[in-house]
Amino acid sequence: MQDQPWTHAPLVAVDLEGTGAQDKEHEAILEVALVPLHGGSPDMARAWETLVNPGRPVPKRPWISPGLTDEVLADAPSPEQVGQ
């Protein structure tokens, strides 16, 4: 693959939403999104997203998406379930 452009490589864009590095060892992932790239363009038909229940209350912080509340995340899978 070294002689081909990057657009030929199997790539996936990853986006994580979390409580932030300010939580240090208590930082938690709240949402995961994956978007495959084909020919350098997003393949939205194969994109995947899930909320994640961190198993603890989500702190109220300005950088946390306002839609990611304890109530919304209550029925989401745990980090261990998402990783399977």
PDB file of N, CA and C in Angstrom:
ATOM      1  N   MET A   1       0.807  -1.211   0.000  1.00  0.00           N
ATOM      2  CA  MET A   1       0.000   0.000   0.000  1.00  0.00           C
ATOM      3  C   MET A   1       0.840   1.259   0.000  1.00  0.00           C
ATOM      4  N   GLN A   2       2.108   1.156   0.188  1.00  0.00           N
ATOM      5  CA  GLN A   2       2.933   2.350   0.292  1.00  0.00           C
ATOM      6  C   GLN A   2       2.950   3.165  -0.990  1.00  0.00           C
ATOM      7  N   ASP A   3       2.698   2.548  -2.135  1.00  0.00           N
ATOM      8  CA  ASP A   3       2.736   3.275  -3.395  1.00  0.00           C
ATOM      9  C   ASP A   3       1.351   3.779  -3.815  1.00  0.00           C
ATOM     10  N   GLN A   4       0.344   3.680  -2.925  1.00  0.00           N
ATOM     11  CA  GLN A   4      -0.998   4.146  -3.232  1.00  0.00           C
ATOM     12  C   GLN A   4      -1.353   5.329  -2.335  1.00  0.00           C
ATOM     13  N   PRO A   5      -2.253   6.197  -2.805  1.00  0.00           N
ATOM     14  CA  PRO A   5      -2.638   7.353  -1.977  1.00  0.00           C
ATOM     15  C   PRO A   5      -3.397   6.915  -0.728  1.00  0.00           C
ATOM     16  N   TRP A   6      -3.426   7.797   0.254  1.00  0.00           N
ATOM     17  CA  TRP A   6      -4.092   7.489   1.524  1.00  0.00           C
ATOM     18  C   TRP A   6      -5.561   7.159   1.321  1.00  0.00           C
ATOM     19  N   THR A   7      -6.162   7.658   0.264  1.00  0.00           N
ATOM     20  CA  THR A   7      -7.589   7.406   0.044  1.00  0.00           C
ATOM     21  C   THR A   7      -7.889   5.945  -0.254  1.00  0.00           C
ATOM     22  N   HIS A   8      -6.861   5.148  -0.535  1.00  0.00           N
ATOM     23  CA  HIS A   8      -7.060   3.716  -0.774  1.00  0.00           C
ATOM     24  C   HIS A   8      -6.932   2.893   0.512  1.00  0.00           C
ATOM     25  N   ALA A   9      -6.489   3.524   1.580  1.00  0.00           N
ATOM     26  CA  ALA A   9      -6.312   2.811   2.853  1.00  0.00           C
ATOM     27  C   ALA A   9      -7.665   2.637   3.542  1.00  0.00           C
ATOM     28  N   PRO A  10      -7.850   1.504   4.247  1.00  0.00           N
ATOM     29  CA  PRO A  10      -9.086   1.326   5.027  1.00  0.00           C
ATOM     30  C   PRO A  10      -9.020   2.209   6.282  1.00  0.00           C
ATOM     31  N   LEU A  11      -9.808   3.266   6.307  1.00  0.00           N
ATOM     32  CA  LEU A  11      -9.769   4.217   7.413  1.00  0.00           C
ATOM     33  C   LEU A  11     -11.144   4.358   8.051  1.00  0.00           C
ATOM     34  N   VAL A  12     -11.140   4.697   9.343  1.00  0.00           N
ATOM     35  CA  VAL A  12     -12.368   4.978  10.077  1.00  0.00           C
ATOM     36  C   VAL A  12     -12.118   6.221  10.927  1.00  0.00           C
ATOM     37  N   ALA A  13     -13.006   7.201  10.812  1.00  0.00           N
ATOM     38  CA  ALA A  13     -12.947   8.377  11.678  1.00  0.00           C
ATOM     39  C   ALA A  13     -13.668   8.030  12.981  1.00  0.00           C
ATOM     40  N   VAL A  14     -13.049   8.389  14.108  1.00  0.00           N
ATOM     41  CA  VAL A  14     -13.615   8.099  15.427  1.00  0.00           C
ATOM     42  C   VAL A  14     -13.849   9.414  16.158  1.00  0.00           C
ATOM     43  N   ASP A  15     -15.033   9.546  16.758  1.00  0.00           N
ATOM     44  CA  ASP A  15     -15.343  10.723  17.571  1.00  0.00           C
ATOM     45  C   ASP A  15     -15.841  10.250  18.925  1.00  0.00           C
ATOM     46  N   LEU A  16     -15.279  10.794  19.971  1.00  0.00           N
ATOM     47  CA  LEU A  16     -15.695  10.469  21.339  1.00  0.00           C
ATOM     48  C   LEU A  16     -16.195  11.735  22.013  1.00  0.00           C
ATOM     49  N   GLU A  17     -17.295  11.615  22.720  1.00  0.00           N
ATOM     50  CA  GLU A  17     -17.765  12.691  23.593  1.00  0.00           C
ATOM     51  C   GLU A  17     -17.608  12.185  25.015  1.00  0.00           C
ATOM     52  N   GLY A  18     -17.090  13.040  25.882  1.00  0.00           N
ATOM     53  CA  GLY A  18     -16.864  12.601  27.246  1.00  0.00           C
ATOM     54  C   GLY A  18     -17.004  13.725  28.246  1.00  0.00           C
ATOM     55  N   THR A  19     -16.688  13.401  29.493  1.00  0.00           N
ATOM     56  CA  THR A  19     -16.805  14.380  30.559  1.00  0.00           C
ATOM     57  C   THR A  19     -15.635  15.361  30.571  1.00  0.00           C
ATOM     58  N   GLY A  20     -14.568  15.052  29.868  1.00  0.00           N
ATOM     59  CA  GLY A  20     -13.438  15.967  29.742  1.00  0.00           C
ATOM     60  C   GLY A  20     -12.248  15.582  30.600  1.00  0.00           C
ATOM     61  N   ALA A  21     -11.090  15.973  30.120  1.00  0.00           N
ATOM     62  CA  ALA A  21      -9.837  15.664  30.813  1.00  0.00           C
ATOM     63  C   ALA A  21      -9.767  16.306  32.196  1.00  0.00           C
ATOM     64  N   GLN A  22     -10.588  17.318  32.424  1.00  0.00           N
ATOM     65  CA  GLN A  22     -10.610  17.974  33.731  1.00  0.00           C
ATOM     66  C   GLN A  22     -11.048  17.014  34.824  1.00  0.00           C
ATOM     67  N   ASP A  23     -11.730  15.928  34.450  1.00  0.00           N
ATOM     68  CA  ASP A  23     -12.145  14.921  35.431  1.00  0.00           C
ATOM     69  C   ASP A  23     -11.012  13.969  35.792  1.00  0.00           C
ATOM     70  N   LYS A  24      -9.855  14.157  35.145  1.00  0.00           N
ATOM     71  CA  LYS A  24      -8.653  13.353  35.395  1.00  0.00           C
ATOM     72  C   LYS A  24      -8.974  11.863  35.386  1.00  0.00           C
ATOM     73  N   GLU A  25      -8.689  11.131  36.443  1.00  0.00           N
ATOM     74  CA  GLU A  25      -8.904   9.674  36.455  1.00  0.00           C
ATOM     75  C   GLU A  25     -10.383   9.294  36.467  1.00  0.00           C
ATOM     76  N   HIS A  26     -11.274  10.278  36.591  1.00  0.00           N
ATOM     77  CA  HIS A  26     -12.712  10.000  36.594  1.00  0.00           C
ATOM     78  C   HIS A  26     -13.373  10.337  35.254  1.00  0.00           C
ATOM     79  N   GLU A  27     -12.557  10.699  34.249  1.00  0.00           N
ATOM     80  CA  GLU A  27     -13.114  11.019  32.937  1.00  0.00           C
ATOM     81  C   GLU A  27     -13.879   9.814  32.398  1.00  0.00           C
ATOM     82  N   ALA A  28     -15.015  10.069  31.752  1.00  0.00           N
ATOM     83  CA  ALA A  28     -15.848   8.991  31.229  1.00  0.00           C
ATOM     84  C   ALA A  28     -16.272   9.303  29.798  1.00  0.00           C
ATOM     85  N   ILE A  29     -16.331   8.275  28.963  1.00  0.00           N
ATOM     86  CA  ILE A  29     -16.845   8.405  27.605  1.00  0.00           C
ATOM     87  C   ILE A  29     -18.366   8.331  27.671  1.00  0.00           C
ATOM     88  N   LEU A  30     -19.033   9.257  26.974  1.00  0.00           N
ATOM     89  CA  LEU A  30     -20.490   9.342  26.992  1.00  0.00           C
ATOM     90  C   LEU A  30     -21.117   8.992  25.637  1.00  0.00           C
ATOM     91  N   GLU A  31     -20.328   9.071  24.572  1.00  0.00           N
ATOM     92  CA  GLU A  31     -20.835   8.768  23.233  1.00  0.00           C
ATOM     93  C   GLU A  31     -19.670   8.392  22.329  1.00  0.00           C
ATOM     94  N   VAL A  32     -19.904   7.422  21.433  1.00  0.00           N
ATOM     95  CA  VAL A  32     -18.903   6.974  20.472  1.00  0.00           C
ATOM     96  C   VAL A  32     -19.540   7.013  19.085  1.00  0.00           C
ATOM     97  N   ALA A  33     -18.803   7.534  18.106  1.00  0.00           N
ATOM     98  CA  ALA A  33     -19.261   7.522  16.718  1.00  0.00           C
ATOM     99  C   ALA A  33     -18.108   7.056  15.830  1.00  0.00           C
ATOM    100  N   LEU A  34     -18.420   6.198  14.858  1.00  0.00           N
ATOM    101  CA  LEU A  34     -17.440   5.689  13.900  1.00  0.00           C
ATOM    102  C   LEU A  34     -17.982   5.934  12.495  1.00  0.00           C
ATOM    103  N   VAL A  35     -17.144   6.478  11.618  1.00  0.00           N
ATOM    104  CA  VAL A  35     -17.548   6.718  10.232  1.00  0.00           C
ATOM    105  C   VAL A  35     -16.463   6.158   9.319  1.00  0.00           C
ATOM    106  N   PRO A  36     -16.756   5.081   8.578  1.00  0.00           N
ATOM    107  CA  PRO A  36     -15.784   4.561   7.619  1.00  0.00           C
ATOM    108  C   PRO A  36     -15.541   5.572   6.500  1.00  0.00           C
ATOM    109  N   LEU A  37     -14.316   5.610   5.997  1.00  0.00           N
ATOM    110  CA  LEU A  37     -13.968   6.472   4.873  1.00  0.00           C
ATOM    111  C   LEU A  37     -13.640   5.584   3.678  1.00  0.00           C
ATOM    112  N   HIS A  38     -14.248   5.880   2.545  1.00  0.00           N
ATOM    113  CA  HIS A  38     -13.987   5.146   1.303  1.00  0.00           C
ATOM    114  C   HIS A  38     -13.633   6.159   0.228  1.00  0.00           C
ATOM    115  N   GLY A  39     -12.445   6.008  -0.320  1.00  0.00           N
ATOM    116  CA  GLY A  39     -11.991   6.973  -1.317  1.00  0.00           C
ATOM    117  C   GLY A  39     -11.833   8.358  -0.741  1.00  0.00           C
ATOM    118  N   GLY A  40     -11.589   8.453   0.551  1.00  0.00           N
ATOM    119  CA  GLY A  40     -11.410   9.739   1.214  1.00  0.00           C
ATOM    120  C   GLY A  40     -12.708  10.429   1.602  1.00  0.00           C
ATOM    121  N   SER A  41     -13.849   9.782   1.335  1.00  0.00           N
ATOM    122  CA  SER A  41     -15.152  10.381   1.662  1.00  0.00           C
ATOM    123  C   SER A  41     -15.865   9.565   2.722  1.00  0.00           C
ATOM    124  N   PRO A  42     -16.643  10.212   3.583  1.00  0.00           N
ATOM    125  CA  PRO A  42     -17.379   9.480   4.614  1.00  0.00           C
ATOM    126  C   PRO A  42     -18.437   8.575   3.994  1.00  0.00           C
ATOM    127  N   ASP A  43     -18.543   7.366   4.537  1.00  0.00           N
ATOM    128  CA  ASP A  43     -19.570   6.410   4.129  1.00  0.00           C
ATOM    129  C   ASP A  43     -20.649   6.418   5.213  1.00  0.00           C
ATOM    130  N   MET A  44     -21.562   7.367   5.107  1.00  0.00           N
ATOM    131  CA  MET A  44     -22.568   7.549   6.157  1.00  0.00           C
ATOM    132  C   MET A  44     -23.532   6.372   6.251  1.00  0.00           C
ATOM    133  N   ALA A  45     -23.675   5.612   5.195  1.00  0.00           N
ATOM    134  CA  ALA A  45     -24.552   4.437   5.234  1.00  0.00           C
ATOM    135  C   ALA A  45     -23.999   3.378   6.179  1.00  0.00           C
ATOM    136  N   ARG A  46     -22.687   3.388   6.406  1.00  0.00           N
ATOM    137  CA  ARG A  46     -22.061   2.405   7.295  1.00  0.00           C
ATOM    138  C   ARG A  46     -21.604   3.025   8.615  1.00  0.00           C
ATOM    139  N   ALA A  47     -21.959   4.281   8.859  1.00  0.00           N
ATOM    140  CA  ALA A  47     -21.583   4.956  10.107  1.00  0.00           C
ATOM    141  C   ALA A  47     -22.306   4.297  11.274  1.00  0.00           C
ATOM    142  N   TRP A  48     -21.707   4.405  12.456  1.00  0.00           N
ATOM    143  CA  TRP A  48     -22.258   3.793  13.669  1.00  0.00           C
ATOM    144  C   TRP A  48     -22.063   4.759  14.831  1.00  0.00           C
ATOM    145  N   GLU A  49     -23.053   4.807  15.721  1.00  0.00           N
ATOM    146  CA  GLU A  49     -22.992   5.696  16.883  1.00  0.00           C
ATOM    147  C   GLU A  49     -23.736   5.038  18.030  1.00  0.00           C
ATOM    148  N   THR A  50     -23.240   5.274  19.241  1.00  0.00           N
ATOM    149  CA  THR A  50     -23.960   4.819  20.432  1.00  0.00           C
ATOM    150  C   THR A  50     -23.673   5.760  21.592  1.00  0.00           C
ATOM    151  N   LEU A  51     -24.681   5.946  22.408  1.00  0.00           N
ATOM    152  CA  LEU A  51     -24.477   6.603  23.693  1.00  0.00           C
ATOM    153  C   LEU A  51     -23.848   5.581  24.623  1.00  0.00           C
ATOM    154  N   VAL A  52     -23.216   6.049  25.692  1.00  0.00           N
ATOM    155  CA  VAL A  52     -22.567   5.171  26.667  1.00  0.00           C
ATOM    156  C   VAL A  52     -22.976   5.609  28.071  1.00  0.00           C
ATOM    157  N   ASN A  53     -23.466   4.658  28.852  1.00  0.00           N
ATOM    158  CA  ASN A  53     -23.811   4.933  30.249  1.00  0.00           C
ATOM    159  C   ASN A  53     -22.541   4.775  31.077  1.00  0.00           C
ATOM    160  N   PRO A  54     -22.021   5.859  31.661  1.00  0.00           N
ATOM    161  CA  PRO A  54     -20.772   5.766  32.407  1.00  0.00           C
ATOM    162  C   PRO A  54     -20.906   5.081  33.770  1.00  0.00           C
ATOM    163  N   GLY A  55     -22.143   4.794  34.178  1.00  0.00           N
ATOM    164  CA  GLY A  55     -22.336   4.130  35.468  1.00  0.00           C
ATOM    165  C   GLY A  55     -22.211   5.061  36.659  1.00  0.00           C
ATOM    166  N   ARG A  56     -22.266   6.343  36.391  1.00  0.00           N
ATOM    167  CA  ARG A  56     -22.201   7.350  37.452  1.00  0.00           C
ATOM    168  C   ARG A  56     -22.838   8.625  36.940  1.00  0.00           C
ATOM    169  N   PRO A  57     -23.190   9.551  37.819  1.00  0.00           N
ATOM    170  CA  PRO A  57     -23.788  10.811  37.361  1.00  0.00           C
ATOM    171  C   PRO A  57     -22.823  11.597  36.462  1.00  0.00           C
ATOM    172  N   VAL A  58     -23.391  12.261  35.486  1.00  0.00           N
ATOM    173  CA  VAL A  58     -22.600  13.107  34.586  1.00  0.00           C
ATOM    174  C   VAL A  58     -22.547  14.506  35.192  1.00  0.00           C
ATOM    175  N   PRO A  59     -21.342  15.053  35.380  1.00  0.00           N
ATOM    176  CA  PRO A  59     -21.252  16.393  35.970  1.00  0.00           C
ATOM    177  C   PRO A  59     -21.807  17.446  35.015  1.00  0.00           C
ATOM    178  N   LYS A  60     -22.301  18.518  35.566  1.00  0.00           N
ATOM    179  CA  LYS A  60     -22.790  19.639  34.765  1.00  0.00           C
ATOM    180  C   LYS A  60     -21.597  20.530  34.422  1.00  0.00           C
ATOM    181  N   ARG A  61     -21.174  20.468  33.163  1.00  0.00           N
ATOM    182  CA  ARG A  61     -20.031  21.250  32.703  1.00  0.00           C
ATOM    183  C   ARG A  61     -20.382  21.889  31.364  1.00  0.00           C
ATOM    184  N   PRO A  62     -19.883  23.091  31.091  1.00  0.00           N
ATOM    185  CA  PRO A  62     -20.249  23.771  29.845  1.00  0.00           C
ATOM    186  C   PRO A  62     -19.768  23.048  28.588  1.00  0.00           C
ATOM    187  N   TRP A  63     -18.723  22.244  28.663  1.00  0.00           N
ATOM    188  CA  TRP A  63     -18.192  21.560  27.475  1.00  0.00           C
ATOM    189  C   TRP A  63     -18.874  20.221  27.204  1.00  0.00           C
ATOM    190  N   ILE A  64     -19.733  19.758  28.097  1.00  0.00           N
ATOM    191  CA  ILE A  64     -20.470  18.512  27.869  1.00  0.00           C
ATOM    192  C   ILE A  64     -21.750  18.850  27.118  1.00  0.00           C
ATOM    193  N   SER A  65     -21.993  18.137  26.023  1.00  0.00           N
ATOM    194  CA  SER A  65     -23.187  18.379  25.218  1.00  0.00           C
ATOM    195  C   SER A  65     -24.420  18.408  26.114  1.00  0.00           C
ATOM    196  N   PRO A  66     -25.273  19.426  25.978  1.00  0.00           N
ATOM    197  CA  PRO A  66     -26.440  19.534  26.868  1.00  0.00           C
ATOM    198  C   PRO A  66     -27.397  18.349  26.753  1.00  0.00           C
ATOM    199  N   GLY A  67     -27.352  17.610  25.658  1.00  0.00           N
ATOM    200  CA  GLY A  67     -28.232  16.456  25.496  1.00  0.00           C
ATOM    201  C   GLY A  67     -27.753  15.208  26.206  1.00  0.00           C
ATOM    202  N   LEU A  68     -26.521  15.208  26.698  1.00  0.00           N
ATOM    203  CA  LEU A  68     -25.966  14.020  27.359  1.00  0.00           C
ATOM    204  C   LEU A  68     -26.202  14.107  28.864  1.00  0.00           C
ATOM    205  N   THR A  69     -27.419  13.807  29.266  1.00  0.00           N
ATOM    206  CA  THR A  69     -27.816  13.897  30.665  1.00  0.00           C
ATOM    207  C   THR A  69     -27.910  12.510  31.286  1.00  0.00           C
ATOM    208  N   ASP A  70     -27.987  12.468  32.595  1.00  0.00           N
ATOM    209  CA  ASP A  70     -28.155  11.193  33.299  1.00  0.00           C
ATOM    210  C   ASP A  70     -29.393  10.458  32.802  1.00  0.00           C
ATOM    211  N   GLU A  71     -30.462  11.196  32.553  1.00  0.00           N
ATOM    212  CA  GLU A  71     -31.716  10.576  32.111  1.00  0.00           C
ATOM    213  C   GLU A  71     -31.556   9.946  30.723  1.00  0.00           C
ATOM    214  N   VAL A  72     -30.915  10.651  29.815  1.00  0.00           N
ATOM    215  CA  VAL A  72     -30.722  10.152  28.449  1.00  0.00           C
ATOM    216  C   VAL A  72     -29.786   8.943  28.436  1.00  0.00           C
ATOM    217  N   LEU A  73     -28.759   8.966  29.261  1.00  0.00           N
ATOM    218  CA  LEU A  73     -27.757   7.895  29.271  1.00  0.00           C
ATOM    219  C   LEU A  73     -28.176   6.677  30.099  1.00  0.00           C
ATOM    220  N   ALA A  74     -29.252   6.778  30.853  1.00  0.00           N
ATOM    221  CA  ALA A  74     -29.669   5.699  31.761  1.00  0.00           C
ATOM    222  C   ALA A  74     -29.887   4.372  31.043  1.00  0.00           C
ATOM    223  N   ASP A  75     -30.439   4.390  29.848  1.00  0.00           N
ATOM    224  CA  ASP A  75     -30.727   3.153  29.114  1.00  0.00           C
ATOM    225  C   ASP A  75     -29.643   2.784  28.108  1.00  0.00           C
ATOM    226  N   ALA A  76     -28.570   3.568  28.038  1.00  0.00           N
ATOM    227  CA  ALA A  76     -27.477   3.292  27.102  1.00  0.00           C
ATOM    228  C   ALA A  76     -26.627   2.121  27.612  1.00  0.00           C
ATOM    229  N   PRO A  77     -25.908   1.442  26.697  1.00  0.00           N
ATOM    230  CA  PRO A  77     -25.030   0.362  27.134  1.00  0.00           C
ATOM    231  C   PRO A  77     -23.857   0.875  27.951  1.00  0.00           C
ATOM    232  N   SER A  78     -23.301   0.015  28.796  1.00  0.00           N
ATOM    233  CA  SER A  78     -22.115   0.344  29.582  1.00  0.00           C
ATOM    234  C   SER A  78     -20.895   0.347  28.673  1.00  0.00           C
ATOM    235  N   PRO A  79     -19.769   0.918  29.119  1.00  0.00           N
ATOM    236  CA  PRO A  79     -18.550   0.866  28.315  1.00  0.00           C
ATOM    237  C   PRO A  79     -18.151  -0.575  27.962  1.00  0.00           C
ATOM    238  N   GLU A  80     -18.335  -1.480  28.881  1.00  0.00           N
ATOM    239  CA  GLU A  80     -17.977  -2.888  28.632  1.00  0.00           C
ATOM    240  C   GLU A  80     -18.852  -3.490  27.529  1.00  0.00           C
ATOM    241  N   GLN A  81     -20.126  -3.137  27.511  1.00  0.00           N
ATOM    242  CA  GLN A  81     -21.037  -3.644  26.469  1.00  0.00           C
ATOM    243  C   GLN A  81     -20.697  -3.051  25.107  1.00  0.00           C
ATOM    244  N   VAL A  82     -20.319  -1.789  25.071  1.00  0.00           N
ATOM    245  CA  VAL A  82     -19.955  -1.142  23.804  1.00  0.00           C
ATOM    246  C   VAL A  82     -18.691  -1.786  23.222  1.00  0.00           C
ATOM    247  N   GLY A  83     -17.779  -2.174  24.078  1.00  0.00           N
ATOM    248  CA  GLY A  83     -16.510  -2.754  23.625  1.00  0.00           C
ATOM    249  C   GLY A  83     -16.618  -4.159  23.093  1.00  0.00           C
ATOM    250  N   GLN A  84     -17.779  -4.781  23.187  1.00  0.00           N
ATOM    251  CA  GLN A  84     -17.925  -6.171  22.719  1.00  0.00           C
ATOM    252  C   GLN A  84     -18.279  -6.241  21.265  1.00  0.00           C
TER     253      GLN A  84
END
